[in-house]
C-alpha cells in the first residue's frame, strides 16, 4: 500500500463534489508525488472527466461535433519553488484530451490554488460549456475568460498548505 500524500484528502473532496454535480471522474484520475524525486519535487493530481460520455468509443462512432469527445483533464500541482521557473505553491489547469491519449496545451483554470471543491465544480462547468476557453502555447496557456477568479478557497486550505510545505521540506532534506 502506498503512503498517503498530503493532498489526497483535498482531491477526495474535489472528486466527491464533482461526482455530486454529475461530473464523475473516470478511473484515470490519480495523485502523485514528484515524477523526478529529489530533483524537481512537487505534488500533482489529475482528474479525468468524460463530459460527453464518449471516452473509449471508436473515433468513427463518435458523432461529428461532439464536445469533449475524448475527455477533459483537470490537473493540480504544488511546487516547492526550488526548481527554476516554478513559483512556490499550487495551481490548477485544464486540457482537452486527444484521441491518442495525449492532451492539448494546458490552460490555467481561474480558481485559487487551494480552491474549494464547489469552485472547482463551477469552473469545470464553465470549461465544459466553453464559457472558459482554452489557451494555447503562444499565450502561455491563459484561459480566454474575463470573469476573474471563480469561487473561494477550501476551508481546510491552511491545513493542506502546511502539509504540502512539510512534504516539501522532507523531500528537500532527502536530496
N, C-alpha and C. Protein backbone atom coordinates (compact mmCIF):
# COMPACT_ATOMS: atom_id res chain seq x y z
N UNK A 1 0.86 -1.18 0.00
CA UNK A 1 0.00 0.00 0.00
C UNK A 1 0.89 1.23 0.00
N UNK A 2 0.56 2.20 -0.85
CA UNK A 2 1.39 3.39 -0.93
C UNK A 2 1.08 4.35 0.22
N UNK A 3 2.07 5.15 0.52
CA UNK A 3 1.96 6.13 1.60
C UNK A 3 0.98 7.24 1.20
N UNK A 4 0.07 7.63 2.10
CA UNK A 4 -0.85 8.72 1.77
C UNK A 4 -0.06 10.01 1.49
N UNK A 5 -0.56 10.78 0.56
CA UNK A 5 0.06 12.04 0.20
C UNK A 5 -0.70 13.20 0.84
N UNK A 6 -0.04 14.33 1.06
CA UNK A 6 -0.71 15.42 1.77
C UNK A 6 -1.94 15.97 1.06
N UNK A 7 -2.01 15.82 -0.25
CA UNK A 7 -3.14 16.37 -1.00
C UNK A 7 -4.24 15.34 -1.28
N UNK A 8 -4.09 14.11 -0.82
CA UNK A 8 -5.11 13.09 -1.04
C UNK A 8 -6.49 13.50 -0.48
N UNK A 9 -6.59 14.01 0.75
CA UNK A 9 -7.92 14.40 1.25
C UNK A 9 -8.57 15.51 0.42
N UNK A 10 -7.76 16.44 -0.05
CA UNK A 10 -8.27 17.53 -0.88
C UNK A 10 -8.87 16.96 -2.16
N UNK A 11 -8.15 16.04 -2.80
CA UNK A 11 -8.66 15.50 -4.05
C UNK A 11 -9.82 14.58 -3.86
N UNK A 12 -9.90 13.93 -2.74
CA UNK A 12 -11.11 13.14 -2.44
C UNK A 12 -12.31 14.08 -2.35
N UNK A 13 -12.14 15.23 -1.69
CA UNK A 13 -13.23 16.21 -1.55
C UNK A 13 -13.61 16.79 -2.91
N UNK A 14 -12.63 17.11 -3.76
CA UNK A 14 -12.92 17.64 -5.10
C UNK A 14 -13.64 16.58 -5.93
N UNK A 15 -13.16 15.35 -5.92
CA UNK A 15 -13.81 14.28 -6.69
C UNK A 15 -15.22 14.02 -6.19
N UNK A 16 -15.43 14.07 -4.87
CA UNK A 16 -16.78 13.89 -4.32
C UNK A 16 -17.72 15.00 -4.80
N UNK A 17 -17.22 16.25 -4.83
CA UNK A 17 -18.04 17.38 -5.28
C UNK A 17 -18.36 17.25 -6.77
N UNK A 18 -17.38 16.85 -7.56
CA UNK A 18 -17.63 16.65 -8.99
C UNK A 18 -18.67 15.54 -9.21
N UNK A 19 -18.53 14.45 -8.48
CA UNK A 19 -19.47 13.34 -8.59
C UNK A 19 -20.88 13.79 -8.21
N UNK A 20 -21.00 14.52 -7.10
CA UNK A 20 -22.30 15.01 -6.66
C UNK A 20 -22.93 15.95 -7.69
N UNK A 21 -22.09 16.62 -8.48
CA UNK A 21 -22.58 17.55 -9.51
C UNK A 21 -22.84 16.84 -10.84
N UNK A 22 -22.70 15.51 -10.86
CA UNK A 22 -22.95 14.76 -12.09
C UNK A 22 -21.76 14.74 -13.04
N UNK A 23 -20.58 15.06 -12.54
CA UNK A 23 -19.35 15.07 -13.34
C UNK A 23 -18.35 14.07 -12.77
N UNK A 24 -18.76 12.82 -12.70
CA UNK A 24 -17.97 11.79 -12.04
C UNK A 24 -16.62 11.58 -12.73
N UNK A 25 -15.53 11.65 -11.96
CA UNK A 25 -14.21 11.37 -12.53
C UNK A 25 -14.12 9.93 -13.02
N UNK A 26 -13.30 9.72 -14.04
CA UNK A 26 -13.09 8.37 -14.57
C UNK A 26 -12.06 7.64 -13.72
N UNK A 27 -11.80 6.40 -14.06
CA UNK A 27 -10.80 5.61 -13.36
C UNK A 27 -9.39 6.10 -13.64
N UNK A 28 -9.24 7.04 -14.56
CA UNK A 28 -7.92 7.57 -14.91
C UNK A 28 -7.62 8.85 -14.15
N UNK A 29 -7.94 8.89 -12.88
CA UNK A 29 -7.68 10.02 -12.01
C UNK A 29 -6.73 9.55 -10.92
N UNK A 30 -5.79 10.42 -10.50
CA UNK A 30 -4.78 9.98 -9.55
C UNK A 30 -4.08 11.17 -8.88
N UNK A 31 -3.40 10.87 -7.77
CA UNK A 31 -2.49 11.82 -7.12
C UNK A 31 -1.10 11.20 -7.13
N UNK A 32 -0.08 12.06 -7.07
CA UNK A 32 1.29 11.57 -7.15
C UNK A 32 2.21 12.54 -6.42
N UNK A 33 3.41 12.05 -6.13
CA UNK A 33 4.44 12.90 -5.54
C UNK A 33 5.67 12.87 -6.43
N UNK A 34 5.93 13.94 -7.07
CA UNK A 34 7.09 14.22 -7.91
C UNK A 34 7.52 13.10 -8.83
N UNK A 35 7.53 13.43 -10.09
CA UNK A 35 7.93 12.46 -11.11
C UNK A 35 9.43 12.25 -11.12
N UNK A 36 10.20 13.23 -10.67
CA UNK A 36 11.66 13.11 -10.67
C UNK A 36 12.16 13.37 -9.26
N UNK A 37 11.83 12.47 -8.40
CA UNK A 37 12.11 12.57 -6.97
C UNK A 37 13.54 13.06 -6.68
N UNK A 38 13.61 14.08 -5.83
CA UNK A 38 14.91 14.59 -5.39
C UNK A 38 15.47 15.67 -6.28
N UNK A 39 14.96 15.83 -7.50
CA UNK A 39 15.46 16.88 -8.38
C UNK A 39 14.41 17.98 -8.49
N UNK A 40 13.25 17.66 -8.99
CA UNK A 40 12.14 18.60 -9.08
C UNK A 40 11.02 18.04 -8.21
N UNK A 41 10.96 18.51 -6.99
CA UNK A 41 9.99 17.97 -6.04
C UNK A 41 8.67 18.73 -6.15
N UNK A 42 7.61 18.01 -6.47
CA UNK A 42 6.30 18.63 -6.50
C UNK A 42 5.24 17.55 -6.31
N UNK A 43 4.07 18.02 -5.93
CA UNK A 43 2.91 17.16 -5.78
C UNK A 43 2.00 17.40 -6.97
N UNK A 44 1.31 16.36 -7.40
CA UNK A 44 0.41 16.53 -8.54
C UNK A 44 -0.82 15.66 -8.39
N UNK A 45 -1.84 16.05 -9.14
CA UNK A 45 -3.07 15.27 -9.21
C UNK A 45 -3.70 15.52 -10.56
N UNK A 46 -4.33 14.50 -11.09
CA UNK A 46 -5.05 14.61 -12.35
C UNK A 46 -6.44 14.00 -12.16
N UNK A 47 -7.43 14.74 -12.60
CA UNK A 47 -8.81 14.26 -12.58
C UNK A 47 -9.25 14.21 -14.04
N UNK A 48 -9.65 13.04 -14.49
CA UNK A 48 -10.11 12.88 -15.87
C UNK A 48 -11.63 12.78 -15.86
N UNK A 49 -12.26 13.57 -16.72
CA UNK A 49 -13.71 13.60 -16.84
C UNK A 49 -14.12 13.19 -18.26
N UNK A 50 -15.33 12.70 -18.37
CA UNK A 50 -15.89 12.29 -19.66
C UNK A 50 -17.23 13.01 -19.86
N UNK A 51 -17.19 14.35 -20.10
CA UNK A 51 -18.44 15.11 -20.18
C UNK A 51 -19.39 14.67 -21.29
N UNK A 52 -18.86 14.10 -22.37
CA UNK A 52 -19.71 13.70 -23.49
C UNK A 52 -20.17 12.25 -23.41
N UNK A 53 -19.56 11.49 -22.51
CA UNK A 53 -19.89 10.07 -22.41
C UNK A 53 -19.37 9.25 -23.57
N UNK A 54 -18.32 9.74 -24.23
CA UNK A 54 -17.80 9.04 -25.42
C UNK A 54 -16.36 8.56 -25.26
N UNK A 55 -15.76 8.74 -24.10
CA UNK A 55 -14.40 8.26 -23.91
C UNK A 55 -14.40 6.74 -24.05
N UNK A 56 -13.47 6.24 -24.82
CA UNK A 56 -13.38 4.80 -25.05
C UNK A 56 -14.12 4.34 -26.30
N UNK A 57 -14.90 5.23 -26.90
CA UNK A 57 -15.60 4.88 -28.15
C UNK A 57 -14.60 4.95 -29.31
N UNK A 58 -14.89 4.20 -30.35
CA UNK A 58 -14.08 4.29 -31.57
C UNK A 58 -14.32 5.65 -32.20
N UNK A 59 -13.26 6.24 -32.72
CA UNK A 59 -13.34 7.57 -33.32
C UNK A 59 -14.50 7.66 -34.32
N UNK A 60 -14.64 6.65 -35.16
CA UNK A 60 -15.69 6.70 -36.18
C UNK A 60 -17.10 6.56 -35.60
N UNK A 61 -17.21 6.13 -34.35
CA UNK A 61 -18.52 6.00 -33.71
C UNK A 61 -18.95 7.26 -32.97
N UNK A 62 -18.06 8.24 -32.85
CA UNK A 62 -18.38 9.48 -32.16
C UNK A 62 -18.95 10.46 -33.18
N UNK A 63 -20.17 10.93 -32.96
CA UNK A 63 -20.77 11.86 -33.91
C UNK A 63 -19.92 13.13 -34.08
N UNK A 64 -19.85 13.62 -35.31
CA UNK A 64 -19.11 14.84 -35.59
C UNK A 64 -19.67 15.98 -34.74
N UNK A 65 -18.79 16.80 -34.24
CA UNK A 65 -19.20 17.95 -33.43
C UNK A 65 -19.44 17.65 -31.97
N UNK A 66 -19.22 16.41 -31.55
CA UNK A 66 -19.39 16.07 -30.14
C UNK A 66 -18.38 16.84 -29.31
N UNK A 67 -18.83 17.60 -28.31
CA UNK A 67 -17.88 18.33 -27.47
C UNK A 67 -17.14 17.37 -26.54
N UNK A 68 -15.88 17.61 -26.32
CA UNK A 68 -15.05 16.81 -25.42
C UNK A 68 -15.11 15.32 -25.76
N UNK A 69 -14.95 14.94 -27.03
CA UNK A 69 -15.13 13.54 -27.42
C UNK A 69 -14.17 12.57 -26.77
N UNK A 70 -13.01 13.04 -26.33
CA UNK A 70 -12.02 12.13 -25.73
C UNK A 70 -11.77 12.45 -24.26
N UNK A 71 -12.52 13.41 -23.74
CA UNK A 71 -12.44 13.73 -22.33
C UNK A 71 -11.76 15.05 -22.03
N UNK A 72 -11.74 15.35 -20.75
CA UNK A 72 -11.21 16.59 -20.21
C UNK A 72 -10.39 16.22 -18.98
N UNK A 73 -9.21 16.82 -18.85
CA UNK A 73 -8.46 16.61 -17.61
C UNK A 73 -8.36 17.92 -16.84
N UNK A 74 -8.45 17.78 -15.54
CA UNK A 74 -8.16 18.86 -14.60
C UNK A 74 -6.87 18.44 -13.92
N UNK A 75 -5.91 19.33 -13.84
CA UNK A 75 -4.67 18.97 -13.16
C UNK A 75 -4.33 20.02 -12.12
N UNK A 76 -3.68 19.57 -11.08
CA UNK A 76 -3.27 20.43 -9.97
C UNK A 76 -1.84 20.07 -9.64
N UNK A 77 -1.03 21.09 -9.42
CA UNK A 77 0.36 20.86 -8.99
C UNK A 77 0.68 21.81 -7.86
N UNK A 78 1.52 21.34 -6.96
CA UNK A 78 2.08 22.15 -5.89
C UNK A 78 3.60 22.03 -5.99
N UNK A 79 4.26 23.17 -6.14
CA UNK A 79 5.71 23.19 -6.29
C UNK A 79 6.38 23.78 -5.05
N UNK A 80 7.57 23.27 -4.76
CA UNK A 80 8.34 23.79 -3.62
C UNK A 80 8.93 25.16 -3.92
N UNK A 81 9.05 25.51 -5.18
CA UNK A 81 9.67 26.77 -5.57
C UNK A 81 11.17 26.64 -5.75
N UNK A 82 11.72 25.46 -5.47
CA UNK A 82 13.16 25.25 -5.58
C UNK A 82 13.61 25.08 -7.03
N UNK A 83 12.73 24.59 -7.88
CA UNK A 83 13.11 24.37 -9.26
C UNK A 83 12.94 25.67 -10.05
N UNK A 84 13.91 25.95 -10.89
CA UNK A 84 13.93 27.18 -11.68
C UNK A 84 12.70 27.26 -12.58
N UNK A 85 12.08 28.43 -12.60
CA UNK A 85 10.93 28.65 -13.46
C UNK A 85 9.59 28.33 -12.84
N UNK A 86 9.58 27.81 -11.62
CA UNK A 86 8.33 27.45 -10.96
C UNK A 86 8.18 28.23 -9.67
N UNK A 87 7.06 28.89 -9.51
CA UNK A 87 6.78 29.58 -8.26
C UNK A 87 6.34 28.56 -7.22
N UNK A 88 6.56 28.91 -5.96
CA UNK A 88 6.12 28.03 -4.89
C UNK A 88 4.61 28.07 -4.77
N UNK A 89 4.03 26.92 -4.53
CA UNK A 89 2.61 26.84 -4.27
C UNK A 89 1.83 26.08 -5.32
N UNK A 90 0.49 26.13 -5.17
CA UNK A 90 -0.39 25.33 -6.02
C UNK A 90 -0.98 26.12 -7.19
N UNK A 91 -1.37 25.38 -8.22
CA UNK A 91 -2.15 25.96 -9.30
C UNK A 91 -2.94 24.86 -10.00
N UNK A 92 -4.05 25.26 -10.62
CA UNK A 92 -4.94 24.37 -11.36
C UNK A 92 -4.83 24.66 -12.85
N UNK A 93 -4.97 23.62 -13.68
CA UNK A 93 -5.03 23.76 -15.13
C UNK A 93 -6.06 22.77 -15.68
N UNK A 94 -6.44 22.97 -16.94
CA UNK A 94 -7.31 22.01 -17.63
C UNK A 94 -6.80 21.85 -19.05
N UNK A 95 -7.18 20.73 -19.66
CA UNK A 95 -6.82 20.49 -21.06
C UNK A 95 -7.79 19.47 -21.65
N UNK A 96 -8.04 19.62 -22.93
CA UNK A 96 -8.86 18.66 -23.65
C UNK A 96 -7.98 17.48 -24.05
N UNK A 97 -8.50 16.28 -23.87
CA UNK A 97 -7.77 15.08 -24.28
C UNK A 97 -7.95 14.83 -25.77
N UNK A 98 -6.92 14.25 -26.38
CA UNK A 98 -6.95 13.88 -27.80
C UNK A 98 -7.22 12.39 -27.91
N UNK A 99 -7.53 11.92 -29.11
CA UNK A 99 -7.87 10.51 -29.28
C UNK A 99 -6.68 9.59 -29.04
N UNK A 100 -5.45 10.10 -29.09
CA UNK A 100 -4.28 9.25 -28.85
C UNK A 100 -3.86 9.20 -27.38
N UNK A 101 -4.64 9.84 -26.52
CA UNK A 101 -4.35 9.84 -25.09
C UNK A 101 -3.53 11.02 -24.63
N UNK A 102 -2.95 11.77 -25.55
CA UNK A 102 -2.23 12.99 -25.17
C UNK A 102 -3.27 14.09 -24.93
N UNK A 103 -2.79 15.28 -24.61
CA UNK A 103 -3.74 16.37 -24.39
C UNK A 103 -3.27 17.65 -25.07
N UNK A 104 -4.23 18.55 -25.24
CA UNK A 104 -3.93 19.88 -25.76
C UNK A 104 -3.06 20.61 -24.74
N UNK A 105 -2.52 21.77 -25.13
CA UNK A 105 -1.70 22.56 -24.22
C UNK A 105 -2.55 22.95 -23.01
N UNK A 106 -2.05 22.72 -21.79
CA UNK A 106 -2.83 23.04 -20.58
C UNK A 106 -3.12 24.54 -20.46
N UNK A 107 -4.27 24.83 -19.91
CA UNK A 107 -4.72 26.20 -19.71
C UNK A 107 -4.98 26.41 -18.22
N UNK A 108 -4.61 27.56 -17.72
CA UNK A 108 -4.85 27.89 -16.33
C UNK A 108 -6.35 27.90 -16.04
N UNK A 109 -6.75 27.20 -15.00
CA UNK A 109 -8.14 27.22 -14.55
C UNK A 109 -8.28 28.40 -13.59
N UNK A 110 -9.21 29.31 -13.82
CA UNK A 110 -9.28 30.52 -12.99
C UNK A 110 -9.91 30.29 -11.61
N UNK A 111 -9.20 29.53 -10.80
CA UNK A 111 -9.60 29.28 -9.41
C UNK A 111 -8.36 29.46 -8.54
N UNK A 112 -8.57 29.60 -7.25
CA UNK A 112 -7.45 29.65 -6.31
C UNK A 112 -6.70 28.32 -6.34
N UNK A 113 -5.43 28.34 -5.98
CA UNK A 113 -4.64 27.11 -5.94
C UNK A 113 -5.21 26.07 -4.99
N UNK A 114 -5.79 26.55 -3.90
CA UNK A 114 -6.47 25.66 -2.96
C UNK A 114 -7.97 25.96 -3.04
N UNK A 115 -8.51 25.93 -4.24
CA UNK A 115 -9.92 26.26 -4.48
C UNK A 115 -10.84 25.32 -3.72
N UNK A 116 -11.96 25.86 -3.31
CA UNK A 116 -12.97 24.99 -2.70
C UNK A 116 -13.45 24.00 -3.75
N UNK A 117 -13.86 22.82 -3.32
CA UNK A 117 -14.41 21.86 -4.29
C UNK A 117 -15.56 22.46 -5.10
N UNK A 118 -16.40 23.27 -4.46
CA UNK A 118 -17.51 23.90 -5.19
C UNK A 118 -16.99 24.84 -6.27
N UNK A 119 -15.90 25.54 -6.01
CA UNK A 119 -15.31 26.43 -7.01
C UNK A 119 -14.77 25.63 -8.20
N UNK A 120 -14.16 24.49 -7.92
CA UNK A 120 -13.65 23.64 -8.99
C UNK A 120 -14.82 23.13 -9.85
N UNK A 121 -15.90 22.75 -9.21
CA UNK A 121 -17.09 22.30 -9.95
C UNK A 121 -17.61 23.43 -10.83
N UNK A 122 -17.76 24.62 -10.27
CA UNK A 122 -18.28 25.76 -11.04
C UNK A 122 -17.37 26.07 -12.23
N UNK A 123 -16.07 26.12 -12.00
CA UNK A 123 -15.13 26.40 -13.09
C UNK A 123 -15.17 25.30 -14.15
N UNK A 124 -15.27 24.05 -13.71
CA UNK A 124 -15.33 22.93 -14.64
C UNK A 124 -16.57 23.01 -15.51
N UNK A 125 -17.69 23.36 -14.92
CA UNK A 125 -18.92 23.52 -15.72
C UNK A 125 -18.73 24.60 -16.79
N UNK A 126 -18.03 25.68 -16.42
CA UNK A 126 -17.78 26.77 -17.38
C UNK A 126 -16.79 26.33 -18.47
N UNK A 127 -15.87 25.47 -18.14
CA UNK A 127 -14.96 24.92 -19.16
C UNK A 127 -15.76 24.03 -20.11
N UNK A 128 -16.56 23.14 -19.55
CA UNK A 128 -17.33 22.21 -20.38
C UNK A 128 -18.27 22.96 -21.33
N UNK A 129 -18.88 24.04 -20.85
CA UNK A 129 -19.80 24.82 -21.70
C UNK A 129 -19.04 25.78 -22.61
N UNK A 130 -17.73 25.82 -22.49
CA UNK A 130 -16.84 26.67 -23.29
C UNK A 130 -16.95 28.16 -22.93
N UNK A 131 -17.55 28.48 -21.76
CA UNK A 131 -17.50 29.86 -21.27
C UNK A 131 -16.05 30.23 -20.96
N UNK A 132 -15.31 29.26 -20.46
CA UNK A 132 -13.87 29.42 -20.26
C UNK A 132 -13.21 28.68 -21.40
N UNK A 133 -12.52 29.43 -22.25
CA UNK A 133 -11.89 28.83 -23.41
C UNK A 133 -10.45 28.47 -23.14
N UNK A 134 -9.99 27.47 -23.85
CA UNK A 134 -8.62 27.01 -23.71
C UNK A 134 -7.64 28.03 -24.26
N UNK A 135 -6.54 28.20 -23.56
CA UNK A 135 -5.44 29.00 -24.06
C UNK A 135 -4.59 28.11 -24.94
N UNK A 136 -3.45 28.60 -25.32
CA UNK A 136 -2.56 27.79 -26.13
C UNK A 136 -1.13 28.16 -25.80
N UNK A 137 -0.20 27.46 -26.39
CA UNK A 137 1.21 27.63 -26.11
C UNK A 137 1.65 29.08 -26.26
N UNK A 138 1.15 29.76 -27.27
CA UNK A 138 1.62 31.10 -27.58
C UNK A 138 1.12 32.18 -26.63
N UNK A 139 0.09 31.91 -25.86
CA UNK A 139 -0.33 32.89 -24.86
C UNK A 139 -0.09 32.38 -23.45
N UNK A 140 0.81 31.41 -23.33
CA UNK A 140 1.18 30.89 -22.01
C UNK A 140 0.09 30.09 -21.34
N UNK A 141 -0.87 29.61 -22.10
CA UNK A 141 -1.93 28.81 -21.52
C UNK A 141 -2.91 29.61 -20.68
N UNK A 142 -3.08 30.90 -21.01
CA UNK A 142 -4.01 31.74 -20.28
C UNK A 142 -5.41 31.53 -20.86
N UNK A 143 -6.36 31.26 -20.00
CA UNK A 143 -7.73 31.00 -20.44
C UNK A 143 -8.35 32.23 -21.08
N UNK A 144 -9.20 32.00 -22.06
CA UNK A 144 -9.98 33.09 -22.64
C UNK A 144 -11.21 33.26 -21.75
N UNK A 145 -11.02 34.06 -20.74
CA UNK A 145 -12.04 34.25 -19.70
C UNK A 145 -11.78 35.59 -19.05
N UNK A 146 -12.79 36.39 -18.87
CA UNK A 146 -12.59 37.69 -18.23
C UNK A 146 -13.41 37.83 -16.96
N UNK A 147 -13.86 36.70 -16.43
CA UNK A 147 -14.70 36.72 -15.24
C UNK A 147 -13.94 36.67 -13.92
N UNK A 148 -12.61 36.74 -13.96
CA UNK A 148 -11.82 36.72 -12.72
C UNK A 148 -11.75 35.33 -12.11
N UNK A 149 -11.26 35.31 -10.87
CA UNK A 149 -11.13 34.06 -10.13
C UNK A 149 -12.52 33.59 -9.70
N UNK A 150 -12.77 32.31 -9.89
CA UNK A 150 -14.05 31.71 -9.56
C UNK A 150 -14.00 31.12 -8.16
N UNK A 151 -14.99 31.45 -7.36
CA UNK A 151 -15.15 30.83 -6.05
C UNK A 151 -14.15 31.27 -5.00
N UNK A 152 -14.08 30.47 -3.97
CA UNK A 152 -13.23 30.79 -2.83
C UNK A 152 -12.25 29.65 -2.58
N UNK A 153 -11.54 29.74 -1.47
CA UNK A 153 -10.59 28.69 -1.13
C UNK A 153 -11.27 27.63 -0.27
N UNK A 154 -10.66 26.45 -0.24
CA UNK A 154 -11.14 25.34 0.57
C UNK A 154 -11.04 25.70 2.03
N UNK A 155 -12.00 25.30 2.83
CA UNK A 155 -11.99 25.62 4.26
C UNK A 155 -10.80 25.00 4.98
N UNK A 156 -10.18 23.98 4.40
CA UNK A 156 -9.02 23.34 5.02
C UNK A 156 -7.72 23.72 4.30
N UNK A 157 -7.72 24.87 3.60
CA UNK A 157 -6.56 25.29 2.81
C UNK A 157 -5.31 25.47 3.67
N UNK A 158 -5.43 26.05 4.84
CA UNK A 158 -4.26 26.27 5.69
C UNK A 158 -3.64 24.94 6.12
N UNK A 159 -4.48 23.99 6.44
CA UNK A 159 -4.02 22.64 6.82
C UNK A 159 -3.33 21.96 5.63
N UNK A 160 -3.92 22.08 4.46
CA UNK A 160 -3.34 21.49 3.25
C UNK A 160 -2.01 22.16 2.92
N UNK A 161 -1.96 23.48 3.01
CA UNK A 161 -0.72 24.19 2.72
C UNK A 161 0.39 23.76 3.68
N UNK A 162 0.07 23.65 4.95
CA UNK A 162 1.07 23.22 5.94
C UNK A 162 1.56 21.80 5.63
N UNK A 163 0.66 20.92 5.26
CA UNK A 163 1.05 19.54 4.93
C UNK A 163 1.93 19.50 3.68
N UNK A 164 1.61 20.33 2.68
CA UNK A 164 2.43 20.38 1.47
C UNK A 164 3.81 20.95 1.78
N UNK A 165 3.85 21.99 2.59
CA UNK A 165 5.13 22.58 2.99
C UNK A 165 5.99 21.56 3.74
N UNK A 166 5.38 20.82 4.64
CA UNK A 166 6.11 19.79 5.39
C UNK A 166 6.65 18.72 4.44
N UNK A 167 5.82 18.30 3.49
CA UNK A 167 6.27 17.32 2.50
C UNK A 167 7.46 17.88 1.73
N UNK A 168 7.37 19.14 1.28
CA UNK A 168 8.44 19.76 0.53
C UNK A 168 9.74 19.83 1.32
N UNK A 169 9.65 20.17 2.61
CA UNK A 169 10.82 20.22 3.46
C UNK A 169 11.43 18.83 3.63
N UNK A 170 10.59 17.82 3.79
CA UNK A 170 11.09 16.44 3.90
C UNK A 170 11.79 16.00 2.62
N UNK A 171 11.20 16.33 1.47
CA UNK A 171 11.80 15.96 0.20
C UNK A 171 13.16 16.65 0.01
N UNK A 172 13.24 17.93 0.40
CA UNK A 172 14.49 18.67 0.25
C UNK A 172 15.58 18.08 1.14
N UNK A 173 15.19 17.58 2.31
CA UNK A 173 16.20 17.02 3.22
C UNK A 173 16.68 15.65 2.75
N UNK A 174 15.91 15.00 1.86
CA UNK A 174 16.31 13.69 1.33
C UNK A 174 17.30 13.77 0.18
N UNK A 175 17.52 14.98 -0.35
CA UNK A 175 18.40 15.12 -1.52
C UNK A 175 19.84 15.28 -1.14
